[in-house]
PDB file of N, CA and C in Angstrom:
ATOM      1  N   UNK A   1    -113.664 161.379  74.793  1.00  0.00           N
ATOM      2  CA  UNK A   1    -114.114 160.886  73.510  1.00  0.00           C
ATOM      3  C   UNK A   1    -113.407 161.676  72.409  1.00  0.00           C
ATOM      4  N   UNK A   2    -112.913 160.977  71.433  1.00  0.00           N
ATOM      5  CA  UNK A   2    -112.166 161.587  70.345  1.00  0.00           C
ATOM      6  C   UNK A   2    -113.122 162.238  69.336  1.00  0.00           C
ATOM      7  N   UNK A   3    -112.784 163.451  68.914  1.00  0.00           N
ATOM      8  CA  UNK A   3    -113.586 164.181  67.933  1.00  0.00           C
ATOM      9  C   UNK A   3    -113.222 163.692  66.540  1.00  0.00           C
ATOM     10  N   UNK A   4    -114.182 163.156  65.815  1.00  0.00           N
ATOM     11  CA  UNK A   4    -113.942 162.671  64.464  1.00  0.00           C
ATOM     12  C   UNK A   4    -114.535 163.649  63.464  1.00  0.00           C
ATOM     13  N   UNK A   5    -113.667 164.268  62.687  1.00  0.00           N
ATOM     14  CA  UNK A   5    -114.109 165.152  61.621  1.00  0.00           C
ATOM     15  C   UNK A   5    -113.649 164.544  60.306  1.00  0.00           C
ATOM     16  N   UNK A   6    -114.606 164.171  59.432  1.00  0.00           N
ATOM     17  CA  UNK A   6    -114.214 163.586  58.144  1.00  0.00           C
ATOM     18  C   UNK A   6    -113.408 164.585  57.324  1.00  0.00           C
ATOM     19  N   UNK A   7    -112.628 164.048  56.410  1.00  0.00           N
ATOM     20  CA  UNK A   7    -111.891 164.901  55.497  1.00  0.00           C
ATOM     21  C   UNK A   7    -112.873 165.737  54.695  1.00  0.00           C
ATOM     22  N   UNK A   8    -112.421 166.916  54.330  1.00  0.00           N
ATOM     23  CA  UNK A   8    -113.247 167.880  53.609  1.00  0.00           C
ATOM     24  C   UNK A   8    -113.875 167.259  52.357  1.00  0.00           C
ATOM     25  N   UNK A   9    -113.057 166.651  51.492  1.00  0.00           N
ATOM     26  CA  UNK A   9    -113.577 166.105  50.242  1.00  0.00           C
ATOM     27  C   UNK A   9    -114.548 164.951  50.480  1.00  0.00           C
ATOM     28  N   UNK A  10    -114.314 164.153  51.508  1.00  0.00           N
ATOM     29  CA  UNK A  10    -115.220 163.056  51.842  1.00  0.00           C
ATOM     30  C   UNK A  10    -116.586 163.599  52.265  1.00  0.00           C
ATOM     31  N   UNK A  11    -116.585 164.627  53.072  1.00  0.00           N
ATOM     32  CA  UNK A  11    -117.827 165.228  53.547  1.00  0.00           C
ATOM     33  C   UNK A  11    -118.610 165.851  52.388  1.00  0.00           C
ATOM     34  N   UNK A  12    -117.920 166.517  51.478  1.00  0.00           N
ATOM     35  CA  UNK A  12    -118.590 167.093  50.304  1.00  0.00           C
ATOM     36  C   UNK A  12    -119.226 165.985  49.471  1.00  0.00           C
ATOM     37  N   UNK A  13    -118.501 164.901  49.240  1.00  0.00           N
ATOM     38  CA  UNK A  13    -119.048 163.786  48.448  1.00  0.00           C
ATOM     39  C   UNK A  13    -120.271 163.164  49.130  1.00  0.00           C
ATOM     40  N   UNK A  14    -120.247 163.070  50.448  1.00  0.00           N
ATOM     41  CA  UNK A  14    -121.402 162.531  51.183  1.00  0.00           C
ATOM     42  C   UNK A  14    -122.616 163.446  51.022  1.00  0.00           C
ATOM     43  N   UNK A  15    -122.402 164.750  51.114  1.00  0.00           N
ATOM     44  CA  UNK A  15    -123.502 165.710  50.955  1.00  0.00           C
ATOM     45  C   UNK A  15    -124.114 165.576  49.568  1.00  0.00           C
ATOM     46  N   UNK A  16    -123.282 165.492  48.544  1.00  0.00           N
ATOM     47  CA  UNK A  16    -123.769 165.367  47.167  1.00  0.00           C
ATOM     48  C   UNK A  16    -124.550 164.061  46.996  1.00  0.00           C
ATOM     49  N   UNK A  17    -124.021 162.962  47.510  1.00  0.00           N
ATOM     50  CA  UNK A  17    -124.693 161.667  47.380  1.00  0.00           C
ATOM     51  C   UNK A  17    -126.043 161.661  48.096  1.00  0.00           C
ATOM     52  N   UNK A  18    -126.102 162.219  49.283  1.00  0.00           N
ATOM     53  CA  UNK A  18    -127.363 162.255  50.030  1.00  0.00           C
ATOM     54  C   UNK A  18    -128.364 163.170  49.337  1.00  0.00           C
ATOM     55  N   UNK A  19    -127.899 164.272  48.778  1.00  0.00           N
ATOM     56  CA  UNK A  19    -128.787 165.166  48.040  1.00  0.00           C
ATOM     57  C   UNK A  19    -129.400 164.439  46.840  1.00  0.00           C
ATOM     58  N   UNK A  20    -128.589 163.664  46.130  1.00  0.00           N
ATOM     59  CA  UNK A  20    -129.092 162.908  44.986  1.00  0.00           C
ATOM     60  C   UNK A  20    -130.090 161.841  45.438  1.00  0.00           C
ATOM     61  N   UNK A  21    -129.792 161.160  46.530  1.00  0.00           N
ATOM     62  CA  UNK A  21    -130.704 160.142  47.063  1.00  0.00           C
ATOM     63  C   UNK A  21    -132.030 160.772  47.485  1.00  0.00           C
ATOM     64  N   UNK A  22    -131.968 161.948  48.079  1.00  0.00           N
ATOM     65  CA  UNK A  22    -133.181 162.654  48.505  1.00  0.00           C
ATOM     66  C   UNK A  22    -134.057 162.955  47.294  1.00  0.00           C
ATOM     67  N   UNK A  23    -133.458 163.435  46.198  1.00  0.00           N
ATOM     68  CA  UNK A  23    -134.224 163.768  44.997  1.00  0.00           C
ATOM     69  C   UNK A  23    -134.850 162.526  44.375  1.00  0.00           C
ATOM     70  N   UNK A  24    -134.107 161.424  44.339  1.00  0.00           N
ATOM     71  CA  UNK A  24    -134.652 160.171  43.807  1.00  0.00           C
ATOM     72  C   UNK A  24    -135.780 159.685  44.698  1.00  0.00           C
ATOM     73  N   UNK A  25    -135.607 159.777  46.001  1.00  0.00           N
ATOM     74  CA  UNK A  25    -136.632 159.369  46.948  1.00  0.00           C
ATOM     75  C   UNK A  25    -137.928 160.144  46.717  1.00  0.00           C
ATOM     76  N   UNK A  26    -137.800 161.448  46.483  1.00  0.00           N
ATOM     77  CA  UNK A  26    -138.978 162.278  46.202  1.00  0.00           C
ATOM     78  C   UNK A  26    -139.662 161.843  44.910  1.00  0.00           C
ATOM     79  N   UNK A  27    -138.859 161.569  43.875  1.00  0.00           N
ATOM     80  CA  UNK A  27    -139.417 161.146  42.584  1.00  0.00           C
ATOM     81  C   UNK A  27    -140.159 159.825  42.704  1.00  0.00           C
ATOM     82  N   UNK A  28    -139.672 158.937  43.546  1.00  0.00           N
ATOM     83  CA  UNK A  28    -140.285 157.622  43.721  1.00  0.00           C
ATOM     84  C   UNK A  28    -141.343 157.603  44.814  1.00  0.00           C
ATOM     85  N   UNK A  29    -141.602 158.768  45.394  1.00  0.00           N
ATOM     86  CA  UNK A  29    -142.577 158.910  46.471  1.00  0.00           C
ATOM     87  C   UNK A  29    -142.282 157.986  47.652  1.00  0.00           C
ATOM     88  N   UNK A  30    -141.010 157.841  47.956  1.00  0.00           N
ATOM     89  CA  UNK A  30    -140.620 157.061  49.129  1.00  0.00           C
ATOM     90  C   UNK A  30    -140.687 157.963  50.356  1.00  0.00           C
ATOM     91  N   UNK A  31    -140.823 157.392  51.505  1.00  0.00           N
ATOM     92  CA  UNK A  31    -140.943 158.170  52.738  1.00  0.00           C
ATOM     93  C   UNK A  31    -139.599 158.517  53.364  1.00  0.00           C
ATOM     94  N   UNK A  32    -138.549 158.514  52.568  1.00  0.00           N
ATOM     95  CA  UNK A  32    -137.221 158.833  53.083  1.00  0.00           C
ATOM     96  C   UNK A  32    -136.857 160.296  52.899  1.00  0.00           C
ATOM     97  N   UNK A  33    -137.633 161.009  52.111  1.00  0.00           N
ATOM     98  CA  UNK A  33    -137.294 162.368  51.704  1.00  0.00           C
ATOM     99  C   UNK A  33    -136.908 163.297  52.831  1.00  0.00           C
ATOM    100  N   UNK A  34    -137.747 163.424  53.827  1.00  0.00           N
ATOM    101  CA  UNK A  34    -137.468 164.359  54.922  1.00  0.00           C
ATOM    102  C   UNK A  34    -136.240 163.961  55.723  1.00  0.00           C
ATOM    103  N   UNK A  35    -136.071 162.665  55.950  1.00  0.00           N
ATOM    104  CA  UNK A  35    -134.903 162.197  56.703  1.00  0.00           C
ATOM    105  C   UNK A  35    -133.620 162.486  55.944  1.00  0.00           C
ATOM    106  N   UNK A  36    -133.620 162.229  54.646  1.00  0.00           N
ATOM    107  CA  UNK A  36    -132.434 162.489  53.835  1.00  0.00           C
ATOM    108  C   UNK A  36    -132.143 163.987  53.750  1.00  0.00           C
ATOM    109  N   UNK A  37    -133.187 164.784  53.607  1.00  0.00           N
ATOM    110  CA  UNK A  37    -133.010 166.236  53.548  1.00  0.00           C
ATOM    111  C   UNK A  37    -132.419 166.748  54.867  1.00  0.00           C
ATOM    112  N   UNK A  38    -132.925 166.269  55.995  1.00  0.00           N
ATOM    113  CA  UNK A  38    -132.399 166.679  57.305  1.00  0.00           C
ATOM    114  C   UNK A  38    -130.944 166.254  57.479  1.00  0.00           C
ATOM    115  N   UNK A  39    -130.624 165.037  57.038  1.00  0.00           N
ATOM    116  CA  UNK A  39    -129.248 164.545  57.122  1.00  0.00           C
ATOM    117  C   UNK A  39    -128.320 165.417  56.280  1.00  0.00           C
ATOM    118  N   UNK A  40    -128.744 165.751  55.067  1.00  0.00           N
ATOM    119  CA  UNK A  40    -127.940 166.613  54.195  1.00  0.00           C
ATOM    120  C   UNK A  40    -127.698 167.960  54.861  1.00  0.00           C
ATOM    121  N   UNK A  41    -128.747 168.554  55.402  1.00  0.00           N
ATOM    122  CA  UNK A  41    -128.613 169.855  56.056  1.00  0.00           C
ATOM    123  C   UNK A  41    -127.641 169.792  57.237  1.00  0.00           C
ATOM    124  N   UNK A  42    -127.716 168.751  58.021  1.00  0.00           N
ATOM    125  CA  UNK A  42    -126.834 168.621  59.187  1.00  0.00           C
ATOM    126  C   UNK A  42    -125.383 168.379  58.763  1.00  0.00           C
ATOM    127  N   UNK A  43    -125.192 167.624  57.676  1.00  0.00           N
ATOM    128  CA  UNK A  43    -123.832 167.444  57.158  1.00  0.00           C
ATOM    129  C   UNK A  43    -123.283 168.752  56.604  1.00  0.00           C
ATOM    130  N   UNK A  44    -124.134 169.560  56.004  1.00  0.00           N
ATOM    131  CA  UNK A  44    -123.690 170.863  55.509  1.00  0.00           C
ATOM    132  C   UNK A  44    -123.261 171.758  56.673  1.00  0.00           C
ATOM    133  N   UNK A  45    -124.002 171.734  57.750  1.00  0.00           N
ATOM    134  CA  UNK A  45    -123.633 172.503  58.936  1.00  0.00           C
ATOM    135  C   UNK A  45    -122.302 171.990  59.490  1.00  0.00           C
ATOM    136  N   UNK A  46    -122.138 170.697  59.502  1.00  0.00           N
ATOM    137  CA  UNK A  46    -120.870 170.107  59.968  1.00  0.00           C
ATOM    138  C   UNK A  46    -119.711 170.555  59.076  1.00  0.00           C
ATOM    139  N   UNK A  47    -119.943 170.571  57.764  1.00  0.00           N
ATOM    140  CA  UNK A  47    -118.919 171.035  56.825  1.00  0.00           C
ATOM    141  C   UNK A  47    -118.537 172.474  57.130  1.00  0.00           C
ATOM    142  N   UNK A  48    -119.532 173.320  57.332  1.00  0.00           N
ATOM    143  CA  UNK A  48    -119.271 174.723  57.643  1.00  0.00           C
ATOM    144  C   UNK A  48    -118.521 174.877  58.960  1.00  0.00           C
ATOM    145  N   UNK A  49    -118.980 174.209  59.979  1.00  0.00           N
ATOM    146  CA  UNK A  49    -118.355 174.354  61.301  1.00  0.00           C
ATOM    147  C   UNK A  49    -116.939 173.790  61.330  1.00  0.00           C
ATOM    148  N   UNK A  50    -116.667 172.822  60.485  1.00  0.00           N
ATOM    149  CA  UNK A  50    -115.336 172.220  60.457  1.00  0.00           C
ATOM    150  C   UNK A  50    -114.372 172.941  59.526  1.00  0.00           C
ATOM    151  N   UNK A  51    -114.901 173.542  58.449  1.00  0.00           N
ATOM    152  CA  UNK A  51    -113.999 174.017  57.400  1.00  0.00           C
ATOM    153  C   UNK A  51    -114.211 175.459  56.933  1.00  0.00           C
ATOM    154  N   UNK A  52    -115.223 176.160  57.440  1.00  0.00           N
ATOM    155  CA  UNK A  52    -115.417 177.557  57.038  1.00  0.00           C
ATOM    156  C   UNK A  52    -114.550 178.439  57.906  1.00  0.00           C
ATOM    157  N   UNK A  53    -114.072 179.509  57.433  1.00  0.00           N
ATOM    158  CA  UNK A  53    -114.194 180.048  56.082  1.00  0.00           C
ATOM    159  C   UNK A  53    -113.007 179.705  55.172  1.00  0.00           C
ATOM    160  N   UNK A  54    -112.087 178.842  55.641  1.00  0.00           N
ATOM    161  CA  UNK A  54    -110.895 178.545  54.846  1.00  0.00           C
ATOM    162  C   UNK A  54    -111.184 177.718  53.591  1.00  0.00           C
ATOM    163  N   UNK A  55    -112.177 176.820  53.653  1.00  0.00           N
ATOM    164  CA  UNK A  55    -112.438 175.910  52.534  1.00  0.00           C
ATOM    165  C   UNK A  55    -113.815 176.081  51.903  1.00  0.00           C
ATOM    166  N   UNK A  56    -114.753 176.660  52.641  1.00  0.00           N
ATOM    167  CA  UNK A  56    -116.139 176.750  52.165  1.00  0.00           C
ATOM    168  C   UNK A  56    -116.782 178.000  52.769  1.00  0.00           C
ATOM    169  N   UNK A  57    -117.727 178.585  52.026  1.00  0.00           N
ATOM    170  CA  UNK A  57    -118.479 179.716  52.555  1.00  0.00           C
ATOM    171  C   UNK A  57    -119.916 179.650  52.039  1.00  0.00           C
ATOM    172  N   UNK A  58    -120.780 180.410  52.682  1.00  0.00           N
ATOM    173  CA  UNK A  58    -122.164 180.522  52.246  1.00  0.00           C
ATOM    174  C   UNK A  58    -122.279 181.665  51.247  1.00  0.00           C
ATOM    175  N   UNK A  59    -123.035 181.415  50.200  1.00  0.00           N
ATOM    176  CA  UNK A  59    -123.249 182.436  49.175  1.00  0.00           C
ATOM    177  C   UNK A  59    -124.737 182.440  48.822  1.00  0.00           C
ATOM    178  N   UNK A  60    -125.391 183.575  48.945  1.00  0.00           N
ATOM    179  CA  UNK A  60    -126.805 183.660  48.612  1.00  0.00           C
ATOM    180  C   UNK A  60    -126.977 183.342  47.133  1.00  0.00           C
ATOM    181  N   UNK A  61    -127.836 182.384  46.814  1.00  0.00           N
ATOM    182  CA  UNK A  61    -128.060 181.976  45.428  1.00  0.00           C
ATOM    183  C   UNK A  61    -129.233 182.773  44.873  1.00  0.00           C
ATOM    184  N   UNK A  62    -128.951 183.642  43.931  1.00  0.00           N
ATOM    185  CA  UNK A  62    -129.991 184.480  43.330  1.00  0.00           C
ATOM    186  C   UNK A  62    -130.401 183.987  41.953  1.00  0.00           C
ATOM    187  N   UNK A  63    -129.838 182.853  41.508  1.00  0.00           N
ATOM    188  CA  UNK A  63    -130.146 182.367  40.162  1.00  0.00           C
ATOM    189  C   UNK A  63    -131.039 181.125  40.140  1.00  0.00           C
ATOM    190  N   UNK A  64    -131.037 180.339  41.193  1.00  0.00           N
ATOM    191  CA  UNK A  64    -131.841 179.119  41.227  1.00  0.00           C
ATOM    192  C   UNK A  64    -133.283 179.444  41.583  1.00  0.00           C
ATOM    193  N   UNK A  65    -134.206 178.937  40.771  1.00  0.00           N
ATOM    194  CA  UNK A  65    -135.629 179.130  41.075  1.00  0.00           C
ATOM    195  C   UNK A  65    -136.013 178.226  42.233  1.00  0.00           C
ATOM    196  N   UNK A  66    -136.605 178.825  43.248  1.00  0.00           N
ATOM    197  CA  UNK A  66    -136.994 178.081  44.439  1.00  0.00           C
ATOM    198  C   UNK A  66    -138.119 178.827  45.137  1.00  0.00           C
ATOM    199  N   UNK A  67    -138.874 178.086  45.948  1.00  0.00           N
ATOM    200  CA  UNK A  67    -139.955 178.696  46.715  1.00  0.00           C
ATOM    201  C   UNK A  67    -139.418 179.507  47.891  1.00  0.00           C
ATOM    202  N   UNK A  68    -138.154 179.285  48.254  1.00  0.00           N
ATOM    203  CA  UNK A  68    -137.564 180.016  49.365  1.00  0.00           C
ATOM    204  C   UNK A  68    -136.132 180.408  49.024  1.00  0.00           C
ATOM    205  N   UNK A  69    -135.603 181.359  49.790  1.00  0.00           N
ATOM    206  CA  UNK A  69    -134.226 181.793  49.585  1.00  0.00           C
ATOM    207  C   UNK A  69    -133.264 180.661  49.914  1.00  0.00           C
ATOM    208  N   UNK A  70    -132.192 180.560  49.116  1.00  0.00           N
ATOM    209  CA  UNK A  70    -131.213 179.497  49.288  1.00  0.00           C
ATOM    210  C   UNK A  70    -129.810 180.052  49.405  1.00  0.00           C
ATOM    211  N   UNK A  71    -129.000 179.377  50.213  1.00  0.00           N
ATOM    212  CA  UNK A  71    -127.566 179.582  50.199  1.00  0.00           C
ATOM    213  C   UNK A  71    -126.966 178.452  49.380  1.00  0.00           C
ATOM    214  N   UNK A  72    -125.914 178.748  48.659  1.00  0.00           N
ATOM    215  CA  UNK A  72    -125.060 177.722  48.094  1.00  0.00           C
ATOM    216  C   UNK A  72    -123.858 177.621  49.009  1.00  0.00           C
ATOM    217  N   UNK A  73    -123.385 176.402  49.241  1.00  0.00           N
ATOM    218  CA  UNK A  73    -122.154 176.225  49.994  1.00  0.00           C
ATOM    219  C   UNK A  73    -121.026 176.213  48.968  1.00  0.00           C
ATOM    220  N   UNK A  74    -120.375 177.365  48.803  1.00  0.00           N
ATOM    221  CA  UNK A  74    -119.345 177.516  47.769  1.00  0.00           C
ATOM    222  C   UNK A  74    -118.021 176.967  48.265  1.00  0.00           C
ATOM    223  N   UNK A  75    -117.477 176.037  47.477  1.00  0.00           N
ATOM    224  CA  UNK A  75    -116.177 175.458  47.780  1.00  0.00           C
ATOM    225  C   UNK A  75    -115.102 176.389  47.240  1.00  0.00           C
ATOM    226  N   UNK A  76    -114.139 176.742  48.044  1.00  0.00           N
ATOM    227  CA  UNK A  76    -113.097 177.663  47.604  1.00  0.00           C
ATOM    228  C   UNK A  76    -112.097 176.976  46.679  1.00  0.00           C
ATOM    229  N   UNK A  77    -112.058 175.637  46.742  1.00  0.00           N
ATOM    230  CA  UNK A  77    -111.243 174.832  45.835  1.00  0.00           C
ATOM    231  C   UNK A  77    -112.128 173.674  45.366  1.00  0.00           C
ATOM    232  N   UNK A  78    -112.463 173.617  44.068  1.00  0.00           N
ATOM    233  CA  UNK A  78    -113.392 172.589  43.576  1.00  0.00           C
ATOM    234  C   UNK A  78    -112.956 171.167  43.919  1.00  0.00           C
ATOM    235  N   UNK A  79    -113.958 170.308  44.089  1.00  0.00           N
ATOM    236  CA  UNK A  79    -113.754 168.883  44.336  1.00  0.00           C
ATOM    237  C   UNK A  79    -114.534 168.134  43.265  1.00  0.00           C
ATOM    238  N   UNK A  80    -113.844 167.269  42.535  1.00  0.00           N
ATOM    239  CA  UNK A  80    -114.474 166.518  41.440  1.00  0.00           C
ATOM    240  C   UNK A  80    -115.178 167.466  40.473  1.00  0.00           C
ATOM    241  N   UNK A  81    -114.535 168.565  40.127  1.00  0.00           N
ATOM    242  CA  UNK A  81    -115.085 169.592  39.236  1.00  0.00           C
ATOM    243  C   UNK A  81    -116.368 170.221  39.772  1.00  0.00           C
ATOM    244  N   UNK A  82    -116.580 170.132  41.032  1.00  0.00           N
ATOM    245  CA  UNK A  82    -117.765 170.679  41.691  1.00  0.00           C
ATOM    246  C   UNK A  82    -117.344 171.893  42.500  1.00  0.00           C
ATOM    247  N   UNK A  83    -118.086 172.996  42.332  1.00  0.00           N
ATOM    248  CA  UNK A  83    -117.757 174.243  43.031  1.00  0.00           C
ATOM    249  C   UNK A  83    -118.674 174.511  44.217  1.00  0.00           C
ATOM    250  N   UNK A  84    -119.708 173.686  44.378  1.00  0.00           N
ATOM    251  CA  UNK A  84    -120.675 173.896  45.452  1.00  0.00           C
ATOM    252  C   UNK A  84    -121.005 172.581  46.137  1.00  0.00           C
ATOM    253  N   UNK A  85    -121.295 172.640  47.422  1.00  0.00           N
ATOM    254  CA  UNK A  85    -121.766 171.479  48.189  1.00  0.00           C
ATOM    255  C   UNK A  85    -123.270 171.632  48.395  1.00  0.00           C
ATOM    256  N   UNK A  86    -123.967 171.771  47.273  1.00  0.00           N
ATOM    257  CA  UNK A  86    -125.424 171.841  47.220  1.00  0.00           C
ATOM    258  C   UNK A  86    -125.979 173.107  47.884  1.00  0.00           C
ATOM    259  N   UNK A  87    -127.314 173.138  48.012  1.00  0.00           N
ATOM    260  CA  UNK A  87    -128.007 174.301  48.574  1.00  0.00           C
ATOM    261  C   UNK A  87    -128.466 174.027  50.001  1.00  0.00           C
ATOM    262  N   UNK A  88    -128.526 175.101  50.766  1.00  0.00           N
ATOM    263  CA  UNK A  88    -129.055 175.072  52.124  1.00  0.00           C
ATOM    264  C   UNK A  88    -130.071 176.203  52.222  1.00  0.00           C
ATOM    265  N   UNK A  89    -131.339 175.898  52.480  1.00  0.00           N
ATOM    266  CA  UNK A  89    -132.313 176.984  52.608  1.00  0.00           C
ATOM    267  C   UNK A  89    -131.889 177.985  53.686  1.00  0.00           C
ATOM    268  N   UNK A  90    -132.065 179.262  53.413  1.00  0.00           N
ATOM    269  CA  UNK A  90    -131.721 180.316  54.367  1.00  0.00           C
ATOM    270  C   UNK A  90    -132.458 180.074  55.684  1.00  0.00           C
ATOM    271  N   UNK A  91    -133.716 179.677  55.600  1.00  0.00           N
ATOM    272  CA  UNK A  91    -134.522 179.401  56.800  1.00  0.00           C
ATOM    273  C   UNK A  91    -133.852 178.334  57.672  1.00  0.00           C
ATOM    274  N   UNK A  92    -133.337 177.282  57.048  1.00  0.00           N
ATOM    275  CA  UNK A  92    -132.688 176.196  57.786  1.00  0.00           C
ATOM    276  C   UNK A  92    -131.359 176.678  58.364  1.00  0.00           C
ATOM    277  N   UNK A  93    -130.612 177.431  57.566  1.00  0.00           N
ATOM    278  CA  UNK A  93    -129.338 177.977  58.055  1.00  0.00           C
ATOM    279  C   UNK A  93    -129.576 178.841  59.293  1.00  0.00           C
ATOM    280  N   UNK A  94    -130.627 179.639  59.266  1.00  0.00           N
ATOM    281  CA  UNK A  94    -130.924 180.509  60.404  1.00  0.00           C
ATOM    282  C   UNK A  94    -131.366 179.720  61.635  1.00  0.00           C
ATOM    283  N   UNK A  95    -131.954 178.536  61.419  1.00  0.00           N
ATOM    284  CA  UNK A  95    -132.355 177.677  62.537  1.00  0.00           C
ATOM    285  C   UNK A  95    -131.157 176.948  63.145  1.00  0.00           C
ATOM    286  N   UNK A  96    -130.220 176.514  62.298  1.00  0.00           N
ATOM    287  CA  UNK A  96    -129.141 175.643  62.751  1.00  0.00           C
ATOM    288  C   UNK A  96    -127.834 176.366  63.075  1.00  0.00           C
ATOM    289  N   UNK A  97    -127.669 177.572  62.563  1.00  0.00           N
ATOM    290  CA  UNK A  97    -126.429 178.315  62.769  1.00  0.00           C
ATOM    291  C   UNK A  97    -126.691 179.563  63.600  1.00  0.00           C
ATOM    292  N   UNK A  98    -125.681 179.982  64.315  1.00  0.00           N
ATOM    293  CA  UNK A  98    -125.804 181.217  65.094  1.00  0.00           C
ATOM    294  C   UNK A  98    -125.667 182.424  64.160  1.00  0.00           C
ATOM    295  N   UNK A  99    -126.088 183.574  64.649  1.00  0.00           N
ATOM    296  CA  UNK A  99    -125.947 184.821  63.882  1.00  0.00           C
ATOM    297  C   UNK A  99    -124.478 185.077  63.587  1.00  0.00           C
ATOM    298  N   UNK A 100    -123.615 184.805  64.556  1.00  0.00           N
ATOM    299  CA  UNK A 100    -122.180 185.017  64.377  1.00  0.00           C
ATOM    300  C   UNK A 100    -121.629 184.110  63.283  1.00  0.00           C
ATOM    301  N   UNK A 101    -122.042 182.850  63.280  1.00  0.00           N
ATOM    302  CA  UNK A 101    -121.583 181.916  62.247  1.00  0.00           C
ATOM    303  C   UNK A 101    -122.032 182.391  60.873  1.00  0.00           C
ATOM    304  N   UNK A 102    -123.287 182.784  60.765  1.00  0.00           N
ATOM    305  CA  UNK A 102    -123.799 183.275  59.479  1.00  0.00           C
ATOM    306  C   UNK A 102    -123.007 184.489  58.999  1.00  0.00           C
ATOM    307  N   UNK A 103    -122.724 185.401  59.892  1.00  0.00           N
ATOM    308  CA  UNK A 103    -121.980 186.608  59.519  1.00  0.00           C
ATOM    309  C   UNK A 103    -120.551 186.259  59.096  1.00  0.00           C
ATOM    310  N   UNK A 104    -119.912 185.358  59.809  1.00  0.00           N
ATOM    311  CA  UNK A 104    -118.529 184.984  59.501  1.00  0.00           C
ATOM    312  C   UNK A 104    -118.406 184.229  58.188  1.00  0.00           C
ATOM    313  N   UNK A 105    -119.384 183.412  57.880  1.00  0.00           N
ATOM    314  CA  UNK A 105    -119.246 182.478  56.768  1.00  0.00           C
ATOM    315  C   UNK A 105    -119.983 182.879  55.495  1.00  0.00           C
ATOM    316  N   UNK A 106    -120.707 184.004  55.523  1.00  0.00           N
ATOM    317  CA  UNK A 106    -121.437 184.423  54.338  1.00  0.00           C
ATOM    318  C   UNK A 106    -120.552 185.326  53.482  1.00  0.00           C
ATOM    319  N   UNK A 107    -120.417 184.924  52.230  1.00  0.00           N
ATOM    320  CA  UNK A 107    -119.602 185.674  51.284  1.00  0.00           C
ATOM    321  C   UNK A 107    -120.330 186.948  50.874  1.00  0.00           C
ATOM    322  N   UNK A 108    -119.604 188.035  50.777  1.00  0.00           N
ATOM    323  CA  UNK A 108    -120.192 189.308  50.345  1.00  0.00           C
ATOM    324  C   UNK A 108    -119.768 189.648  48.925  1.00  0.00           C
ATOM    325  N   UNK A 109    -119.112 188.715  48.254  1.00  0.00           N
ATOM    326  CA  UNK A 109    -118.660 188.960  46.875  1.00  0.00           C
ATOM    327  C   UNK A 109    -119.806 188.869  45.904  1.00  0.00           C
TER     328      UNK A 109
END
C-alpha cells in the first residue's frame, strides 16, 4: 500500500479549516465539536510526524488564556501569512506522541 502524505501547506490549511469549523460548531451547539477537535488533533500529529523538525515544531504557548497548557505548532516558514498550525493541548500531545517525539520536536527557544 502506498503511503500518502499530503503536501505541507495543504495539511496546514486543512488543520486551520477544521479548527474554524470546530469553533463554529461549538457556537451553534452542534454535536460535531468533539469529532472535529479529534480530527484536528490527529492531523496536527500527522503534520508533526511528516514534517518535524524541518518545517514545524512544538512551542509551549504561554500567552494564550486557556484552562490547560497548550502547544502551538510553529511553522518555520509561514503559509498564507500564518506562523502557526493552531494549538494542541499538552495533554493530547502527551497521549498521542511518544516522549522521544516530544523531546525532538519541542522548541527550546
